[in-house]
C-alpha atoms as a PDB file:
ATOM      1  CA  MET A   1      -0.123  -0.154   0.248  1.00  0.00           C
ATOM      2  CA  THR A   2       1.404   3.443  -0.919  1.00  0.00           C
ATOM      3  CA  THR A   3      -0.098   6.945  -0.588  1.00  0.00           C
ATOM      4  CA  GLU A   4      -0.414   9.126  -3.657  1.00  0.00           C
ATOM      5  CA  SER A   5       2.348  11.575  -2.641  1.00  0.00           C
ATOM      6  CA  GLN A   6       4.719   8.487  -1.667  1.00  0.00           C
ATOM      7  CA  PRO A   7       6.601   6.800  -4.664  1.00  0.00           C
ATOM      8  CA  ASP A   8       5.982   3.132  -4.829  1.00  0.00           C
ATOM      9  CA  ILE A   9       8.758   2.030  -2.085  1.00  0.00           C
ATOM     10  CA  GLY A  10       8.562  -1.663  -2.835  1.00  0.00           C
ATOM     11  CA  ALA A  11       8.946  -1.260  -6.390  1.00  0.00           C
ATOM     12  CA  LEU A  12      11.969   0.976  -5.859  1.00  0.00           C
ATOM     13  CA  MET A  13      13.667  -1.341  -3.301  1.00  0.00           C
ATOM     14  CA  THR A  14      12.941  -4.395  -5.715  1.00  0.00           C
ATOM     15  CA  ALA A  15      14.494  -2.700  -8.735  1.00  0.00           C
ATOM     16  CA  SER A  16      17.638  -0.770  -6.703  1.00  0.00           C
ATOM     17  CA  VAL A  17      18.705  -3.563  -4.303  1.00  0.00           C
ATOM     18  CA  PRO A  18      19.725  -6.736  -5.891  1.00  0.00           C
ATOM     19  CA  MET A  19      19.511  -8.583  -2.845  1.00  0.00           C
ATOM     20  CA  ALA A  20      15.833  -7.843  -2.210  1.00  0.00           C
ATOM     21  CA  ARG A  21      15.026  -9.283  -5.700  1.00  0.00           C
ATOM     22  CA  THR A  22      17.397 -12.606  -5.122  1.00  0.00           C
ATOM     23  CA  LEU A  23      15.301 -13.138  -1.822  1.00  0.00           C
ATOM     24  CA  ASN A  24      11.958 -12.343  -3.859  1.00  0.00           C
ATOM     25  CA  LEU A  25      11.026 -10.168  -0.902  1.00  0.00           C
ATOM     26  CA  ARG A  26       7.443  -8.863  -1.164  1.00  0.00           C
ATOM     27  CA  TYR A  27       6.567  -5.609   0.224  1.00  0.00           C
ATOM     28  CA  LEU A  28       3.146  -5.787   1.491  1.00  0.00           C
ATOM     29  CA  GLU A  29       2.415  -2.379   3.259  1.00  0.00           C
ATOM     30  CA  THR A  30       5.135   0.869   2.515  1.00  0.00           C
ATOM     31  CA  SER A  31       3.939   4.124   4.294  1.00  0.00           C
ATOM     32  CA  ALA A  32       5.962   6.559   6.391  1.00  0.00           C
ATOM     33  CA  GLU A  33       4.500   4.748   9.514  1.00  0.00           C
ATOM     34  CA  ARG A  34       4.757   1.409   8.761  1.00  0.00           C
ATOM     35  CA  VAL A  35       6.433  -1.211   6.471  1.00  0.00           C
ATOM     36  CA  VAL A  36       5.396  -4.893   6.142  1.00  0.00           C
ATOM     37  CA  VAL A  37       7.957  -7.161   3.929  1.00  0.00           C
ATOM     38  CA  GLU A  38       7.535 -10.660   3.556  1.00  0.00           C
ATOM     39  CA  LEU A  39      10.202 -13.331   2.678  1.00  0.00           C
ATOM     40  CA  PRO A  40       8.677 -16.466   1.045  1.00  0.00           C
ATOM     41  CA  ASP A  41       9.609 -20.012   2.315  1.00  0.00           C
ATOM     42  CA  GLN A  42      12.242 -20.993  -0.082  1.00  0.00           C
ATOM     43  CA  SER A  43      14.403 -23.935   0.388  1.00  0.00           C
ATOM     44  CA  GLU A  44      17.461 -22.712  -1.429  1.00  0.00           C
ATOM     45  CA  TYR A  45      17.851 -20.267   1.489  1.00  0.00           C
ATOM     46  CA  HIS A  46      17.311 -22.272   4.223  1.00  0.00           C
ATOM     47  CA  ASN A  47      19.525 -23.274   7.168  1.00  0.00           C
ATOM     48  CA  HIS A  48      20.739 -26.433   8.903  1.00  0.00           C
ATOM     49  CA  VAL A  49      17.100 -26.870  10.625  1.00  0.00           C
ATOM     50  CA  GLY A  50      14.827 -26.073   7.662  1.00  0.00           C
ATOM     51  CA  GLY A  51      14.191 -22.642   8.175  1.00  0.00           C
ATOM     52  CA  PRO A  52      15.256 -19.318   6.754  1.00  0.00           C
ATOM     53  CA  HIS A  53      19.027 -18.830   6.857  1.00  0.00           C
ATOM     54  CA  ALA A  54      20.204 -16.006   9.679  1.00  0.00           C
ATOM     55  CA  GLY A  55      21.414 -13.929   6.556  1.00  0.00           C
ATOM     56  CA  ALA A  56      18.122 -14.085   4.839  1.00  0.00           C
ATOM     57  CA  MET A  57      16.511 -13.227   8.193  1.00  0.00           C
ATOM     58  CA  PHE A  58      18.712 -10.159   8.494  1.00  0.00           C
ATOM     59  CA  THR A  59      18.122  -9.112   4.923  1.00  0.00           C
ATOM     60  CA  LEU A  60      14.383  -9.123   5.331  1.00  0.00           C
ATOM     61  CA  ALA A  61      14.609  -7.092   8.680  1.00  0.00           C
ATOM     62  CA  GLU A  62      17.335  -4.741   7.254  1.00  0.00           C
ATOM     63  CA  SER A  63      15.164  -4.298   3.896  1.00  0.00           C
ATOM     64  CA  ALA A  64      12.076  -3.386   5.740  1.00  0.00           C
ATOM     65  CA  SER A  65      14.310  -0.914   7.960  1.00  0.00           C
ATOM     66  CA  GLY A  66      15.274   0.858   4.651  1.00  0.00           C
ATOM     67  CA  ALA A  67      11.857   0.685   3.041  1.00  0.00           C
ATOM     68  CA  ILE A  68      10.570   2.731   6.062  1.00  0.00           C
ATOM     69  CA  THR A  69      13.286   5.185   5.891  1.00  0.00           C
ATOM     70  CA  LEU A  70      12.726   5.974   2.243  1.00  0.00           C
ATOM     71  CA  ALA A  71       9.113   6.290   2.948  1.00  0.00           C
ATOM     72  CA  ALA A  72       9.533   8.350   5.967  1.00  0.00           C
ATOM     73  CA  PHE A  73      12.089  10.835   4.656  1.00  0.00           C
ATOM     74  CA  ALA A  74      11.379  10.801   0.676  1.00  0.00           C
ATOM     75  CA  ASP A  75      10.995  14.541   0.748  1.00  0.00           C
ATOM     76  CA  GLN A  76      14.653  14.652   2.222  1.00  0.00           C
ATOM     77  CA  LEU A  77      16.658  12.798  -0.449  1.00  0.00           C
ATOM     78  CA  SER A  78      17.579  15.464  -2.336  1.00  0.00           C
ATOM     79  CA  ARG A  79      19.758  17.077   0.378  1.00  0.00           C
ATOM     80  CA  ALA A  80      20.573  13.831   2.583  1.00  0.00           C
ATOM     81  CA  VAL A  81      21.426  10.290   2.260  1.00  0.00           C
ATOM     82  CA  PRO A  82      20.051   7.770   4.439  1.00  0.00           C
ATOM     83  CA  LEU A  83      22.809   5.210   5.735  1.00  0.00           C
ATOM     84  CA  PRO A  84      22.660   2.563   8.233  1.00  0.00           C
ATOM     85  CA  VAL A  85      24.924   3.119  11.554  1.00  0.00           C
ATOM     86  CA  HIS A  86      24.368   0.260  13.817  1.00  0.00           C
ATOM     87  CA  VAL A  87      22.235  -2.755  13.799  1.00  0.00           C
ATOM     88  CA  GLU A  88      21.504  -5.200  16.720  1.00  0.00           C
ATOM     89  CA  MET A  89      19.738  -8.456  16.351  1.00  0.00           C
ATOM     90  CA  ASP A  90      17.928 -10.850  18.558  1.00  0.00           C
ATOM     91  CA  PHE A  91      16.749 -14.352  17.699  1.00  0.00           C
ATOM     92  CA  LYS A  92      13.892 -15.376  19.681  1.00  0.00           C
ATOM     93  CA  LYS A  93      12.320 -18.625  18.440  1.00  0.00           C
ATOM     94  CA  LEU A  94      12.928 -20.949  15.391  1.00  0.00           C
ATOM     95  CA  ALA A  95      11.837 -19.693  12.253  1.00  0.00           C
ATOM     96  CA  LYS A  96       9.889 -21.782   9.900  1.00  0.00           C
ATOM     97  CA  GLY A  97       7.903 -20.925   6.743  1.00  0.00           C
ATOM     98  CA  VAL A  98       6.800 -17.827   5.350  1.00  0.00           C
ATOM     99  CA  LEU A  99       8.397 -14.860   7.514  1.00  0.00           C
ATOM    100  CA  THR A 100       6.947 -11.156   7.549  1.00  0.00           C
ATOM    101  CA  ALA A 101       9.142  -8.320   9.025  1.00  0.00           C
ATOM    102  CA  THR A 102       7.316  -5.241  10.448  1.00  0.00           C
ATOM    103  CA  ALA A 103       9.011  -2.254  10.530  1.00  0.00           C
ATOM    104  CA  GLU A 104       8.355   1.338  12.500  1.00  0.00           C
ATOM    105  CA  LEU A 105      10.167   4.132  12.994  1.00  0.00           C
ATOM    106  CA  GLY A 106      11.384   4.792  16.551  1.00  0.00           C
ATOM    107  CA  ARG A 107      11.186   8.513  16.477  1.00  0.00           C
ATOM    108  CA  PRO A 108       8.737  11.143  15.141  1.00  0.00           C
ATOM    109  CA  ALA A 109       9.951  11.933  11.556  1.00  0.00           C
ATOM    110  CA  ALA A 110       9.562  15.602  12.153  1.00  0.00           C
ATOM    111  CA  GLU A 111      12.002  15.490  14.775  1.00  0.00           C
ATOM    112  CA  VAL A 112      14.717  13.794  12.631  1.00  0.00           C
ATOM    113  CA  VAL A 113      13.945  16.602   9.738  1.00  0.00           C
ATOM    114  CA  ALA A 114      14.269  19.411  12.680  1.00  0.00           C
ATOM    115  CA  GLU A 115      17.620  18.194  13.452  1.00  0.00           C
ATOM    116  CA  LEU A 116      18.715  18.002   9.797  1.00  0.00           C
ATOM    117  CA  ASP A 117      17.331  21.551   9.410  1.00  0.00           C
ATOM    118  CA  ARG A 118      19.197  22.770  12.131  1.00  0.00           C
ATOM    119  CA  GLY A 119      22.618  21.368  10.275  1.00  0.00           C
ATOM    120  CA  GLU A 120      22.856  18.597  12.313  1.00  0.00           C
ATOM    121  CA  ARG A 121      23.406  14.634  11.093  1.00  0.00           C
ATOM    122  CA  PRO A 122      20.447  13.181  12.869  1.00  0.00           C
ATOM    123  CA  GLU A 123      20.237   9.360  13.816  1.00  0.00           C
ATOM    124  CA  PHE A 124      17.031   7.576  14.289  1.00  0.00           C
ATOM    125  CA  PRO A 125      16.079   3.780  15.326  1.00  0.00           C
ATOM    126  CA  VAL A 126      14.169   1.556  13.341  1.00  0.00           C
ATOM    127  CA  LYS A 127      12.528  -1.243  15.063  1.00  0.00           C
ATOM    128  CA  VAL A 128      11.706  -4.401  13.278  1.00  0.00           C
ATOM    129  CA  ALA A 129       9.724  -7.487  14.354  1.00  0.00           C
ATOM    130  CA  LEU A 130       9.896 -10.913  12.333  1.00  0.00           C
ATOM    131  CA  THR A 131       7.151 -12.923  12.926  1.00  0.00           C
ATOM    132  CA  ARG A 132       6.075 -16.571  11.189  1.00  0.00           C
ATOM    133  CA  ALA A 133       2.707 -17.565  10.063  1.00  0.00           C
ATOM    134  CA  ASP A 134       1.254 -18.197  13.208  1.00  0.00           C
ATOM    135  CA  GLY A 135       2.169 -14.826  14.661  1.00  0.00           C
ATOM    136  CA  ALA A 136       5.211 -15.837  16.930  1.00  0.00           C
ATOM    137  CA  VAL A 137       7.976 -13.261  17.005  1.00  0.00           C
ATOM    138  CA  THR A 138      10.913 -15.094  15.842  1.00  0.00           C
ATOM    139  CA  GLY A 139      13.194 -12.154  15.674  1.00  0.00           C
ATOM    140  CA  GLU A 140      13.523  -8.653  16.590  1.00  0.00           C
ATOM    141  CA  MET A 141      16.066  -6.199  14.628  1.00  0.00           C
ATOM    142  CA  THR A 142      16.818  -2.303  16.098  1.00  0.00           C
ATOM    143  CA  ILE A 143      18.799  -0.656  13.071  1.00  0.00           C
ATOM    144  CA  VAL A 144      20.036   2.953  13.628  1.00  0.00           C
ATOM    145  CA  TRP A 145      19.755   5.190  10.573  1.00  0.00           C
ATOM    146  CA  THR A 146      21.347   8.374   9.815  1.00  0.00           C
ATOM    147  CA  LEU A 147      20.639  11.085   7.291  1.00  0.00           C
ATOM    148  CA  ARG A 148      23.727  12.222   5.918  1.00  0.00           C
ATOM    149  CA  PRO A 149      23.633  15.805   4.856  1.00  0.00           C
ATOM    150  CA  ASN A 150      24.796  16.079   0.928  1.00  0.00           C
ATOM    151  CA  ASP A 151      27.653  18.802   1.425  1.00  0.00           C
END
């Protein structure tokens, strides 16, 4: 789902991020408030216990965080580039089958833009929950992003 004023973030991510294409990620919801991305169950990306490899799970979560960053700050891209700064990921339960990543900003976008307006290099967390089809949370990621001014 996109809004009329927003670019199609899912299509943009699929076109510009080869790993998103490789894993066949599906962007189910892309707004500045929330992004939902799905990783299909694909045996070629399984680990030794038959679930998605940790690298695929990381890519799913990081892609969701990047998509919400683009959606929330699309109007700032002419003056700043979003970059990841720090990532922390916890694996909670065995992941099996289709996984879904849900990303939400950890700070109001307006605060981040206000810092950018003051000439600062703002940082903001994005929180991502990974869930399997039964709703169980299999992993959580917090990725801190920055908007680096194009000076």
